[in-house]
Amino acid sequence: MSNLVSGQRYQTTSDITASWVGSPEDDLVLSWGPPQNSHMMNNGSKMIGYQYSWLTNGSRSEEWGYVPDYALCEQRFLVEGGVITRWYSSGDCPKRPKGAKLIPASTPVPRPTL
């Protein structure tokens, strides 16, 4: 998961999800597509959510005699005034998602704020 020689690690799903805080909701929707669910709160804020299943034991698990094992990743965002202010990422999300970039190993993995 990390490259100790260069002092870097790969982004986690939490890093990527947290990076949207401060961004307009429209930017997230343009990047990720429409959310699978949303809920308007009484105070005018909105909760939007994305979820997807991913294969946890490799794409060739059947060839190797394993039963495919899937996990459900859920990511939620609180939107206030059109801007993302808080986030949540379930523990079943991939630790190293597709497209993860190398970042400094000293960067702490963010904790959900929802």
PDB file of N, CA and C in Angstrom:
ATOM      1  N   MET A   1       0.810  -1.185   0.000  1.00  0.00           N
ATOM      2  CA  MET A   1       0.000   0.000   0.000  1.00  0.00           C
ATOM      3  C   MET A   1       0.858   1.255   0.000  1.00  0.00           C
ATOM      4  N   SER A   2       2.076   1.164   0.449  1.00  0.00           N
ATOM      5  CA  SER A   2       2.916   2.361   0.468  1.00  0.00           C
ATOM      6  C   SER A   2       4.259   2.074  -0.192  1.00  0.00           C
ATOM      7  N   ASN A   3       4.961   3.133  -0.475  1.00  0.00           N
ATOM      8  CA  ASN A   3       6.283   3.037  -1.050  1.00  0.00           C
ATOM      9  C   ASN A   3       7.249   3.668  -0.044  1.00  0.00           C
ATOM     10  N   LEU A   4       7.787   2.835   0.849  1.00  0.00           N
ATOM     11  CA  LEU A   4       8.609   3.351   1.931  1.00  0.00           C
ATOM     12  C   LEU A   4       9.889   4.018   1.446  1.00  0.00           C
ATOM     13  N   VAL A   5      10.402   3.585   0.305  1.00  0.00           N
ATOM     14  CA  VAL A   5      11.635   4.165  -0.215  1.00  0.00           C
ATOM     15  C   VAL A   5      11.436   5.640  -0.552  1.00  0.00           C
ATOM     16  N   SER A   6      10.300   5.957  -1.164  1.00  0.00           N
ATOM     17  CA  SER A   6      10.057   7.338  -1.570  1.00  0.00           C
ATOM     18  C   SER A   6       9.271   8.127  -0.524  1.00  0.00           C
ATOM     19  N   GLY A   7       8.865   7.480   0.587  1.00  0.00           N
ATOM     20  CA  GLY A   7       8.115   8.180   1.622  1.00  0.00           C
ATOM     21  C   GLY A   7       6.717   8.557   1.183  1.00  0.00           C
ATOM     22  N   GLN A   8       6.126   7.735   0.331  1.00  0.00           N
ATOM     23  CA  GLN A   8       4.791   8.018  -0.178  1.00  0.00           C
ATOM     24  C   GLN A   8       3.869   6.836   0.095  1.00  0.00           C
ATOM     25  N   ARG A   9       2.553   7.122   0.038  1.00  0.00           N
ATOM     26  CA  ARG A   9       1.543   6.081   0.127  1.00  0.00           C
ATOM     27  C   ARG A   9       0.464   6.380  -0.900  1.00  0.00           C
ATOM     28  N   TYR A  10      -0.327   5.364  -1.216  1.00  0.00           N
ATOM     29  CA  TYR A  10      -1.437   5.581  -2.137  1.00  0.00           C
ATOM     30  C   TYR A  10      -2.621   6.177  -1.384  1.00  0.00           C
ATOM     31  N   GLN A  11      -3.389   7.015  -2.071  1.00  0.00           N
ATOM     32  CA  GLN A  11      -4.604   7.567  -1.509  1.00  0.00           C
ATOM     33  C   GLN A  11      -5.554   6.428  -1.146  1.00  0.00           C
ATOM     34  N   THR A  12      -6.280   6.608  -0.060  1.00  0.00           N
ATOM     35  CA  THR A  12      -7.344   5.688   0.312  1.00  0.00           C
ATOM     36  C   THR A  12      -8.666   6.262  -0.185  1.00  0.00           C
ATOM     37  N   THR A  13      -9.721   5.454  -0.088  1.00  0.00           N
ATOM     38  CA  THR A  13     -11.052   5.965  -0.423  1.00  0.00           C
ATOM     39  C   THR A  13     -11.381   7.158   0.461  1.00  0.00           C
ATOM     40  N   SER A  14     -10.970   7.119   1.729  1.00  0.00           N
ATOM     41  CA  SER A  14     -11.225   8.249   2.634  1.00  0.00           C
ATOM     42  C   SER A  14     -10.520   9.516   2.167  1.00  0.00           C
ATOM     43  N   ASP A  15      -9.281   9.398   1.701  1.00  0.00           N
ATOM     44  CA  ASP A  15      -8.570  10.574   1.174  1.00  0.00           C
ATOM     45  C   ASP A  15      -9.349  11.208   0.030  1.00  0.00           C
ATOM     46  N   ILE A  16      -9.808  10.368  -0.879  1.00  0.00           N
ATOM     47  CA  ILE A  16     -10.501  10.860  -2.075  1.00  0.00           C
ATOM     48  C   ILE A  16     -11.851  11.463  -1.701  1.00  0.00           C
ATOM     49  N   THR A  17     -12.603  10.783  -0.831  1.00  0.00           N
ATOM     50  CA  THR A  17     -13.912  11.288  -0.426  1.00  0.00           C
ATOM     51  C   THR A  17     -13.766  12.617   0.317  1.00  0.00           C
ATOM     52  N   ALA A  18     -12.822  12.686   1.256  1.00  0.00           N
ATOM     53  CA  ALA A  18     -12.607  13.911   2.040  1.00  0.00           C
ATOM     54  C   ALA A  18     -12.157  15.075   1.166  1.00  0.00           C
ATOM     55  N   SER A  19     -11.488  14.789   0.062  1.00  0.00           N
ATOM     56  CA  SER A  19     -10.967  15.864  -0.789  1.00  0.00           C
ATOM     57  C   SER A  19     -12.078  16.697  -1.429  1.00  0.00           C
ATOM     58  N   TRP A  20     -13.316  16.197  -1.401  1.00  0.00           N
ATOM     59  CA  TRP A  20     -14.436  16.936  -1.984  1.00  0.00           C
ATOM     60  C   TRP A  20     -14.974  18.024  -1.057  1.00  0.00           C
ATOM     61  N   VAL A  21     -14.603  18.017   0.219  1.00  0.00           N
ATOM     62  CA  VAL A  21     -15.083  19.056   1.136  1.00  0.00           C
ATOM     63  C   VAL A  21     -14.627  20.417   0.631  1.00  0.00           C
ATOM     64  N   GLY A  22     -15.581  21.348   0.566  1.00  0.00           N
ATOM     65  CA  GLY A  22     -15.307  22.689   0.049  1.00  0.00           C
ATOM     66  C   GLY A  22     -15.622  22.846  -1.429  1.00  0.00           C
ATOM     67  N   SER A  23     -15.913  21.739  -2.102  1.00  0.00           N
ATOM     68  CA  SER A  23     -16.229  21.786  -3.537  1.00  0.00           C
ATOM     69  C   SER A  23     -17.732  21.936  -3.749  1.00  0.00           C
ATOM     70  N   PRO A  24     -18.126  22.561  -4.862  1.00  0.00           N
ATOM     71  CA  PRO A  24     -19.546  22.644  -5.189  1.00  0.00           C
ATOM     72  C   PRO A  24     -20.122  21.248  -5.467  1.00  0.00           C
ATOM     73  N   GLU A  25     -21.351  21.031  -5.026  1.00  0.00           N
ATOM     74  CA  GLU A  25     -22.041  19.763  -5.300  1.00  0.00           C
ATOM     75  C   GLU A  25     -22.040  19.459  -6.792  1.00  0.00           C
ATOM     76  N   ASP A  26     -22.252  20.474  -7.619  1.00  0.00           N
ATOM     77  CA  ASP A  26     -22.300  20.268  -9.070  1.00  0.00           C
ATOM     78  C   ASP A  26     -21.003  19.671  -9.607  1.00  0.00           C
ATOM     79  N   ASP A  27     -19.865  20.065  -9.047  1.00  0.00           N
ATOM     80  CA  ASP A  27     -18.584  19.507  -9.495  1.00  0.00           C
ATOM     81  C   ASP A  27     -18.513  18.003  -9.204  1.00  0.00           C
ATOM     82  N   LEU A  28     -18.985  17.602  -8.016  1.00  0.00           N
ATOM     83  CA  LEU A  28     -19.010  16.181  -7.661  1.00  0.00           C
ATOM     84  C   LEU A  28     -19.914  15.415  -8.607  1.00  0.00           C
ATOM     85  N   VAL A  29     -21.101  15.940  -8.870  1.00  0.00           N
ATOM     86  CA  VAL A  29     -22.054  15.260  -9.758  1.00  0.00           C
ATOM     87  C   VAL A  29     -21.495  15.174 -11.177  1.00  0.00           C
ATOM     88  N   LEU A  30     -20.819  16.205 -11.631  1.00  0.00           N
ATOM     89  CA  LEU A  30     -20.210  16.146 -12.963  1.00  0.00           C
ATOM     90  C   LEU A  30     -19.116  15.082 -13.024  1.00  0.00           C
ATOM     91  N   SER A  31     -18.392  14.893 -11.929  1.00  0.00           N
ATOM     92  CA  SER A  31     -17.300  13.922 -11.891  1.00  0.00           C
ATOM     93  C   SER A  31     -17.788  12.493 -11.650  1.00  0.00           C
ATOM     94  N   TRP A  32     -18.685  12.300 -10.682  1.00  0.00           N
ATOM     95  CA  TRP A  32     -19.119  10.969 -10.264  1.00  0.00           C
ATOM     96  C   TRP A  32     -20.447  10.536 -10.876  1.00  0.00           C
ATOM     97  N   GLY A  33     -21.189  11.481 -11.485  1.00  0.00           N
ATOM     98  CA  GLY A  33     -22.513  11.167 -11.994  1.00  0.00           C
ATOM     99  C   GLY A  33     -23.561  11.468 -10.934  1.00  0.00           C
ATOM    100  N   PRO A  34     -24.841  11.309 -11.289  1.00  0.00           N
ATOM    101  CA  PRO A  34     -25.902  11.590 -10.318  1.00  0.00           C
ATOM    102  C   PRO A  34     -25.823  10.634  -9.130  1.00  0.00           C
ATOM    103  N   PRO A  35     -26.102  11.128  -7.922  1.00  0.00           N
ATOM    104  CA  PRO A  35     -26.079  10.244  -6.760  1.00  0.00           C
ATOM    105  C   PRO A  35     -27.202   9.213  -6.837  1.00  0.00           C
ATOM    106  N   GLN A  36     -26.991   8.067  -6.196  1.00  0.00           N
ATOM    107  CA  GLN A  36     -28.034   7.038  -6.163  1.00  0.00           C
ATOM    108  C   GLN A  36     -29.178   7.437  -5.235  1.00  0.00           C
ATOM    109  N   ASN A  37     -28.878   8.268  -4.235  1.00  0.00           N
ATOM    110  CA  ASN A  37     -29.941   8.730  -3.348  1.00  0.00           C
ATOM    111  C   ASN A  37     -29.603  10.120  -2.826  1.00  0.00           C
ATOM    112  N   SER A  38     -30.657  10.829  -2.440  1.00  0.00           N
ATOM    113  CA  SER A  38     -30.478  12.147  -1.833  1.00  0.00           C
ATOM    114  C   SER A  38     -31.669  12.426  -0.931  1.00  0.00           C
ATOM    115  N   HIS A  39     -31.440  13.277   0.049  1.00  0.00           N
ATOM    116  CA  HIS A  39     -32.497  13.635   0.993  1.00  0.00           C
ATOM    117  C   HIS A  39     -32.333  15.101   1.372  1.00  0.00           C
ATOM    118  N   MET A  40     -33.408  15.858   1.208  1.00  0.00           N
ATOM    119  CA  MET A  40     -33.401  17.263   1.588  1.00  0.00           C
ATOM    120  C   MET A  40     -33.754  17.358   3.068  1.00  0.00           C
ATOM    121  N   MET A  41     -32.918  18.040   3.835  1.00  0.00           N
ATOM    122  CA  MET A  41     -33.132  18.208   5.268  1.00  0.00           C
ATOM    123  C   MET A  41     -34.033  19.422   5.525  1.00  0.00           C
ATOM    124  N   ASN A  42     -34.656  19.448   6.698  1.00  0.00           N
ATOM    125  CA  ASN A  42     -35.537  20.570   7.060  1.00  0.00           C
ATOM    126  C   ASN A  42     -34.798  21.899   7.084  1.00  0.00           C
ATOM    127  N   ASN A  43     -33.498  21.878   7.380  1.00  0.00           N
ATOM    128  CA  ASN A  43     -32.739  23.140   7.469  1.00  0.00           C
ATOM    129  C   ASN A  43     -32.223  23.620   6.103  1.00  0.00           C
ATOM    130  N   GLY A  44     -32.598  22.909   5.021  1.00  0.00           N
ATOM    131  CA  GLY A  44     -32.187  23.317   3.674  1.00  0.00           C
ATOM    132  C   GLY A  44     -30.939  22.624   3.171  1.00  0.00           C
ATOM    133  N   SER A  45     -30.232  21.918   4.044  1.00  0.00           N
ATOM    134  CA  SER A  45     -29.063  21.163   3.584  1.00  0.00           C
ATOM    135  C   SER A  45     -29.542  19.866   2.938  1.00  0.00           C
ATOM    136  N   LYS A  46     -28.632  19.176   2.282  1.00  0.00           N
ATOM    137  CA  LYS A  46     -28.981  17.968   1.544  1.00  0.00           C
ATOM    138  C   LYS A  46     -27.933  16.896   1.802  1.00  0.00           C
ATOM    139  N   MET A  47     -28.402  15.661   1.925  1.00  0.00           N
ATOM    140  CA  MET A  47     -27.511  14.511   2.035  1.00  0.00           C
ATOM    141  C   MET A  47     -27.596  13.765   0.704  1.00  0.00           C
ATOM    142  N   ILE A  48     -26.423  13.523   0.081  1.00  0.00           N
ATOM    143  CA  ILE A  48     -26.410  12.746  -1.156  1.00  0.00           C
ATOM    144  C   ILE A  48     -25.523  11.520  -0.948  1.00  0.00           C
ATOM    145  N   GLY A  49     -25.845  10.440  -1.645  1.00  0.00           N
ATOM    146  CA  GLY A  49     -25.103   9.208  -1.438  1.00  0.00           C
ATOM    147  C   GLY A  49     -24.812   8.457  -2.721  1.00  0.00           C
ATOM    148  N   TYR A  50     -23.677   7.801  -2.690  1.00  0.00           N
ATOM    149  CA  TYR A  50     -23.232   6.931  -3.780  1.00  0.00           C
ATOM    150  C   TYR A  50     -22.924   5.571  -3.178  1.00  0.00           C
ATOM    151  N   GLN A  51     -23.164   4.510  -3.935  1.00  0.00           N
ATOM    152  CA  GLN A  51     -22.759   3.190  -3.484  1.00  0.00           C
ATOM    153  C   GLN A  51     -22.452   2.304  -4.676  1.00  0.00           C
ATOM    154  N   TYR A  52     -21.521   1.396  -4.461  1.00  0.00           N
ATOM    155  CA  TYR A  52     -21.179   0.436  -5.504  1.00  0.00           C
ATOM    156  C   TYR A  52     -20.620  -0.819  -4.858  1.00  0.00           C
ATOM    157  N   SER A  53     -20.760  -1.930  -5.577  1.00  0.00           N
ATOM    158  CA  SER A  53     -20.185  -3.198  -5.125  1.00  0.00           C
ATOM    159  C   SER A  53     -18.847  -3.386  -5.809  1.00  0.00           C
ATOM    160  N   TRP A  54     -17.932  -4.021  -5.119  1.00  0.00           N
ATOM    161  CA  TRP A  54     -16.631  -4.322  -5.715  1.00  0.00           C
ATOM    162  C   TRP A  54     -16.190  -5.701  -5.271  1.00  0.00           C
ATOM    163  N   LEU A  55     -15.449  -6.350  -6.135  1.00  0.00           N
ATOM    164  CA  LEU A  55     -14.954  -7.702  -5.901  1.00  0.00           C
ATOM    165  C   LEU A  55     -13.741  -7.638  -4.995  1.00  0.00           C
ATOM    166  N   THR A  56     -13.819  -8.258  -3.814  1.00  0.00           N
ATOM    167  CA  THR A  56     -12.750  -8.137  -2.827  1.00  0.00           C
ATOM    168  C   THR A  56     -11.641  -9.175  -2.976  1.00  0.00           C
ATOM    169  N   ASN A  57     -11.918 -10.271  -3.678  1.00  0.00           N
ATOM    170  CA  ASN A  57     -10.895 -11.323  -3.737  1.00  0.00           C
ATOM    171  C   ASN A  57     -10.371 -11.571  -5.150  1.00  0.00           C
ATOM    172  N   GLY A  58     -10.345 -10.546  -5.968  1.00  0.00           N
ATOM    173  CA  GLY A  58      -9.694 -10.632  -7.277  1.00  0.00           C
ATOM    174  C   GLY A  58     -10.634 -10.994  -8.401  1.00  0.00           C
ATOM    175  N   SER A  59     -10.380 -10.425  -9.562  1.00  0.00           N
ATOM    176  CA  SER A  59     -11.258 -10.617 -10.714  1.00  0.00           C
ATOM    177  C   SER A  59     -11.183 -12.037 -11.263  1.00  0.00           C
ATOM    178  N   ARG A  60     -10.162 -12.788 -10.899  1.00  0.00           N
ATOM    179  CA  ARG A  60     -10.017 -14.146 -11.432  1.00  0.00           C
ATOM    180  C   ARG A  60     -10.290 -15.196 -10.346  1.00  0.00           C
ATOM    181  N   SER A  61     -11.058 -14.809  -9.330  1.00  0.00           N
ATOM    182  CA  SER A  61     -11.284 -15.701  -8.195  1.00  0.00           C
ATOM    183  C   SER A  61     -11.915 -17.024  -8.613  1.00  0.00           C
ATOM    184  N   GLU A  62     -12.841 -17.004  -9.565  1.00  0.00           N
ATOM    185  CA  GLU A  62     -13.478 -18.254  -9.997  1.00  0.00           C
ATOM    186  C   GLU A  62     -12.475 -19.185 -10.666  1.00  0.00           C
ATOM    187  N   GLU A  63     -11.565 -18.613 -11.450  1.00  0.00           N
ATOM    188  CA  GLU A  63     -10.533 -19.437 -12.097  1.00  0.00           C
ATOM    189  C   GLU A  63      -9.650 -20.108 -11.061  1.00  0.00           C
ATOM    190  N   TRP A  64      -9.451 -19.455  -9.939  1.00  0.00           N
ATOM    191  CA  TRP A  64      -8.571 -19.980  -8.899  1.00  0.00           C
ATOM    192  C   TRP A  64      -9.320 -20.854  -7.901  1.00  0.00           C
ATOM    193  N   GLY A  65     -10.620 -21.042  -8.141  1.00  0.00           N
ATOM    194  CA  GLY A  65     -11.412 -21.911  -7.282  1.00  0.00           C
ATOM    195  C   GLY A  65     -12.040 -21.227  -6.086  1.00  0.00           C
ATOM    196  N   TYR A  66     -12.022 -19.896  -6.062  1.00  0.00           N
ATOM    197  CA  TYR A  66     -12.655 -19.158  -4.970  1.00  0.00           C
ATOM    198  C   TYR A  66     -14.067 -18.755  -5.374  1.00  0.00           C
ATOM    199  N   VAL A  67     -14.929 -18.625  -4.396  1.00  0.00           N
ATOM    200  CA  VAL A  67     -16.239 -18.041  -4.631  1.00  0.00           C
ATOM    201  C   VAL A  67     -16.043 -16.523  -4.619  1.00  0.00           C
ATOM    202  N   PRO A  68     -16.515 -15.811  -5.645  1.00  0.00           N
ATOM    203  CA  PRO A  68     -16.345 -14.351  -5.652  1.00  0.00           C
ATOM    204  C   PRO A  68     -16.954 -13.733  -4.395  1.00  0.00           C
ATOM    205  N   ASP A  69     -16.245 -12.790  -3.808  1.00  0.00           N
ATOM    206  CA  ASP A  69     -16.687 -12.126  -2.589  1.00  0.00           C
ATOM    207  C   ASP A  69     -16.801 -10.636  -2.889  1.00  0.00           C
ATOM    208  N   TYR A  70     -17.988 -10.091  -2.671  1.00  0.00           N
ATOM    209  CA  TYR A  70     -18.244  -8.687  -2.972  1.00  0.00           C
ATOM    210  C   TYR A  70     -18.461  -7.890  -1.691  1.00  0.00           C
ATOM    211  N   ALA A  71     -18.108  -6.629  -1.728  1.00  0.00           N
ATOM    212  CA  ALA A  71     -18.362  -5.705  -0.619  1.00  0.00           C
ATOM    213  C   ALA A  71     -19.112  -4.495  -1.180  1.00  0.00           C
ATOM    214  N   LEU A  72     -19.883  -3.842  -0.335  1.00  0.00           N
ATOM    215  CA  LEU A  72     -20.640  -2.663  -0.728  1.00  0.00           C
ATOM    216  C   LEU A  72     -19.974  -1.422  -0.139  1.00  0.00           C
ATOM    217  N   CYS A  73     -19.552  -0.532  -1.010  1.00  0.00           N
ATOM    218  CA  CYS A  73     -18.946   0.737  -0.599  1.00  0.00           C
ATOM    219  C   CYS A  73     -20.028   1.809  -0.627  1.00  0.00           C
ATOM    220  N   GLU A  74     -20.172   2.514   0.497  1.00  0.00           N
ATOM    221  CA  GLU A  74     -21.128   3.621   0.575  1.00  0.00           C
ATOM    222  C   GLU A  74     -20.372   4.908   0.893  1.00  0.00           C
ATOM    223  N   GLN A  75     -20.675   5.948   0.135  1.00  0.00           N
ATOM    224  CA  GLN A  75     -20.074   7.256   0.356  1.00  0.00           C
ATOM    225  C   GLN A  75     -21.194   8.283   0.388  1.00  0.00           C
ATOM    226  N   ARG A  76     -21.187   9.118   1.444  1.00  0.00           N
ATOM    227  CA  ARG A  76     -22.223  10.138   1.602  1.00  0.00           C
ATOM    228  C   ARG A  76     -21.578  11.503   1.801  1.00  0.00           C
ATOM    229  N   PHE A  77     -22.330  12.519   1.375  1.00  0.00           N
ATOM    230  CA  PHE A  77     -21.859  13.891   1.490  1.00  0.00           C
ATOM    231  C   PHE A  77     -22.990  14.774   2.009  1.00  0.00           C
ATOM    232  N   LEU A  78     -22.667  15.690   2.909  1.00  0.00           N
ATOM    233  CA  LEU A  78     -23.604  16.711   3.336  1.00  0.00           C
ATOM    234  C   LEU A  78     -23.327  17.950   2.502  1.00  0.00           C
ATOM    235  N   VAL A  79     -24.369  18.483   1.899  1.00  0.00           N
ATOM    236  CA  VAL A  79     -24.258  19.664   1.040  1.00  0.00           C
ATOM    237  C   VAL A  79     -25.022  20.801   1.712  1.00  0.00           C
ATOM    238  N   GLU A  80     -24.327  21.902   1.977  1.00  0.00           N
ATOM    239  CA  GLU A  80     -24.933  23.082   2.581  1.00  0.00           C
ATOM    240  C   GLU A  80     -24.658  24.279   1.688  1.00  0.00           C
ATOM    241  N   GLY A  81     -25.723  24.936   1.254  1.00  0.00           N
ATOM    242  CA  GLY A  81     -25.567  26.080   0.364  1.00  0.00           C
ATOM    243  C   GLY A  81     -24.880  25.706  -0.944  1.00  0.00           C
ATOM    244  N   GLY A  82     -25.100  24.472  -1.407  1.00  0.00           N
ATOM    245  CA  GLY A  82     -24.518  24.020  -2.671  1.00  0.00           C
ATOM    246  C   GLY A  82     -23.078  23.549  -2.574  1.00  0.00           C
ATOM    247  N   VAL A  83     -22.505  23.568  -1.349  1.00  0.00           N
ATOM    248  CA  VAL A  83     -21.099  23.199  -1.145  1.00  0.00           C
ATOM    249  C   VAL A  83     -21.015  21.979  -0.219  1.00  0.00           C
ATOM    250  N   ILE A  84     -20.121  21.058  -0.528  1.00  0.00           N
ATOM    251  CA  ILE A  84     -19.924  19.869   0.296  1.00  0.00           C
ATOM    252  C   ILE A  84     -19.191  20.273   1.576  1.00  0.00           C
ATOM    253  N   THR A  85     -19.800  19.932   2.730  1.00  0.00           N
ATOM    254  CA  THR A  85     -19.223  20.349   4.007  1.00  0.00           C
ATOM    255  C   THR A  85     -18.787  19.172   4.882  1.00  0.00           C
ATOM    256  N   ARG A  86     -19.365  17.995   4.686  1.00  0.00           N
ATOM    257  CA  ARG A  86     -19.020  16.824   5.484  1.00  0.00           C
ATOM    258  C   ARG A  86     -19.075  15.590   4.608  1.00  0.00           C
ATOM    259  N   TRP A  87     -18.474  14.493   5.094  1.00  0.00           N
ATOM    260  CA  TRP A  87     -18.409  13.285   4.285  1.00  0.00           C
ATOM    261  C   TRP A  87     -18.391  12.037   5.156  1.00  0.00           C
ATOM    262  N   TYR A  88     -18.729  10.904   4.521  1.00  0.00           N
ATOM    263  CA  TYR A  88     -18.676   9.590   5.160  1.00  0.00           C
ATOM    264  C   TYR A  88     -18.303   8.567   4.104  1.00  0.00           C
ATOM    265  N   SER A  89     -17.480   7.610   4.492  1.00  0.00           N
ATOM    266  CA  SER A  89     -17.096   6.504   3.608  1.00  0.00           C
ATOM    267  C   SER A  89     -17.108   5.237   4.460  1.00  0.00           C
ATOM    268  N   SER A  90     -17.873   4.230   4.034  1.00  0.00           N
ATOM    269  CA  SER A  90     -18.002   3.008   4.830  1.00  0.00           C
ATOM    270  C   SER A  90     -16.689   2.238   4.879  1.00  0.00           C
ATOM    271  N   GLY A  91     -16.555   1.409   5.889  1.00  0.00           N
ATOM    272  CA  GLY A  91     -15.357   0.586   6.041  1.00  0.00           C
ATOM    273  C   GLY A  91     -15.226  -0.487   4.982  1.00  0.00           C
ATOM    274  N   ASP A  92     -16.282  -0.696   4.187  1.00  0.00           N
ATOM    275  CA  ASP A  92     -16.233  -1.712   3.138  1.00  0.00           C
ATOM    276  C   ASP A  92     -15.752  -1.171   1.797  1.00  0.00           C
ATOM    277  N   CYS A  93     -15.321   0.080   1.773  1.00  0.00           N
ATOM    278  CA  CYS A  93     -14.790   0.647   0.531  1.00  0.00           C
ATOM    279  C   CYS A  93     -13.362   0.154   0.328  1.00  0.00           C
ATOM    280  N   PRO A  94     -12.914   0.090  -0.930  1.00  0.00           N
ATOM    281  CA  PRO A  94     -11.543  -0.373  -1.176  1.00  0.00           C
ATOM    282  C   PRO A  94     -10.517   0.526  -0.487  1.00  0.00           C
ATOM    283  N   LYS A  95      -9.497  -0.080   0.069  1.00  0.00           N
ATOM    284  CA  LYS A  95      -8.441   0.708   0.725  1.00  0.00           C
ATOM    285  C   LYS A  95      -7.627   1.489  -0.306  1.00  0.00           C
ATOM    286  N   ARG A  96      -7.449   0.905  -1.483  1.00  0.00           N
ATOM    287  CA  ARG A  96      -6.727   1.576  -2.573  1.00  0.00           C
ATOM    288  C   ARG A  96      -7.616   1.556  -3.814  1.00  0.00           C
ATOM    289  N   PRO A  97      -8.446   2.589  -3.987  1.00  0.00           N
ATOM    290  CA  PRO A  97      -9.373   2.616  -5.119  1.00  0.00           C
ATOM    291  C   PRO A  97      -8.666   2.841  -6.448  1.00  0.00           C
ATOM    292  N   LYS A  98      -9.386   2.538  -7.516  1.00  0.00           N
ATOM    293  CA  LYS A  98      -8.852   2.790  -8.860  1.00  0.00           C
ATOM    294  C   LYS A  98      -8.494   4.262  -8.992  1.00  0.00           C
ATOM    295  N   GLY A  99      -7.385   4.539  -9.624  1.00  0.00           N
ATOM    296  CA  GLY A  99      -6.956   5.914  -9.851  1.00  0.00           C
ATOM    297  C   GLY A  99      -6.283   6.566  -8.660  1.00  0.00           C
ATOM    298  N   ALA A 100      -6.037   5.794  -7.589  1.00  0.00           N
ATOM    299  CA  ALA A 100      -5.378   6.366  -6.406  1.00  0.00           C
ATOM    300  C   ALA A 100      -3.982   6.857  -6.787  1.00  0.00           C
ATOM    301  N   LYS A 101      -3.649   8.038  -6.279  1.00  0.00           N
ATOM    302  CA  LYS A 101      -2.342   8.634  -6.565  1.00  0.00           C
ATOM    303  C   LYS A 101      -1.437   8.499  -5.349  1.00  0.00           C
ATOM    304  N   LEU A 102      -0.151   8.600  -5.577  1.00  0.00           N
ATOM    305  CA  LEU A 102       0.795   8.607  -4.465  1.00  0.00           C
ATOM    306  C   LEU A 102       0.790   9.976  -3.807  1.00  0.00           C
ATOM    307  N   ILE A 103       0.747   9.968  -2.471  1.00  0.00           N
ATOM    308  CA  ILE A 103       0.796  11.199  -1.687  1.00  0.00           C
ATOM    309  C   ILE A 103       1.835  10.995  -0.586  1.00  0.00           C
ATOM    310  N   PRO A 104       2.266  12.048   0.098  1.00  0.00           N
ATOM    311  CA  PRO A 104       3.259  11.865   1.163  1.00  0.00           C
ATOM    312  C   PRO A 104       2.764  10.889   2.238  1.00  0.00           C
ATOM    313  N   ALA A 105       3.628   9.980   2.645  1.00  0.00           N
ATOM    314  CA  ALA A 105       3.274   8.984   3.663  1.00  0.00           C
ATOM    315  C   ALA A 105       2.923   9.642   4.986  1.00  0.00           C
ATOM    316  N   SER A 106       3.406  10.841   5.226  1.00  0.00           N
ATOM    317  CA  SER A 106       3.124  11.545   6.473  1.00  0.00           C
ATOM    318  C   SER A 106       1.701  12.120   6.516  1.00  0.00           C
ATOM    319  N   THR A 107       0.998  12.101   5.387  1.00  0.00           N
ATOM    320  CA  THR A 107      -0.375  12.605   5.341  1.00  0.00           C
ATOM    321  C   THR A 107      -1.292  11.641   6.091  1.00  0.00           C
ATOM    322  N   PRO A 108      -1.944  12.087   7.164  1.00  0.00           N
ATOM    323  CA  PRO A 108      -2.825  11.174   7.892  1.00  0.00           C
ATOM    324  C   PRO A 108      -4.065  10.820   7.072  1.00  0.00           C
ATOM    325  N   VAL A 109      -4.541   9.594   7.234  1.00  0.00           N
ATOM    326  CA  VAL A 109      -5.768   9.173   6.574  1.00  0.00           C
ATOM    327  C   VAL A 109      -6.926   9.883   7.287  1.00  0.00           C
ATOM    328  N   PRO A 110      -7.755  10.633   6.553  1.00  0.00           N
ATOM    329  CA  PRO A 110      -8.822  11.396   7.196  1.00  0.00           C
ATOM    330  C   PRO A 110      -9.895  10.486   7.804  1.00  0.00           C
ATOM    331  N   ARG A 111     -10.546  10.983   8.848  1.00  0.00           N
ATOM    332  CA  ARG A 111     -11.647  10.282   9.493  1.00  0.00           C
ATOM    333  C   ARG A 111     -12.960  10.916   9.031  1.00  0.00           C
ATOM    334  N   PRO A 112     -14.000  10.105   8.813  1.00  0.00           N
ATOM    335  CA  PRO A 112     -15.295  10.644   8.372  1.00  0.00           C
ATOM    336  C   PRO A 112     -15.810  11.731   9.306  1.00  0.00           C
ATOM    337  N   THR A 113     -16.469  12.714   8.750  1.00  0.00           N
ATOM    338  CA  THR A 113     -17.018  13.821   9.526  1.00  0.00           C
ATOM    339  C   THR A 113     -18.536  13.743   9.643  1.00  0.00           C
ATOM    340  N   LEU A 114     -19.134  12.697   9.102  1.00  0.00           N
ATOM    341  CA  LEU A 114     -20.572  12.465   9.242  1.00  0.00           C
ATOM    342  C   LEU A 114     -20.808  11.259  10.108  1.00  0.00           C
TER     343      LEU A 114
END
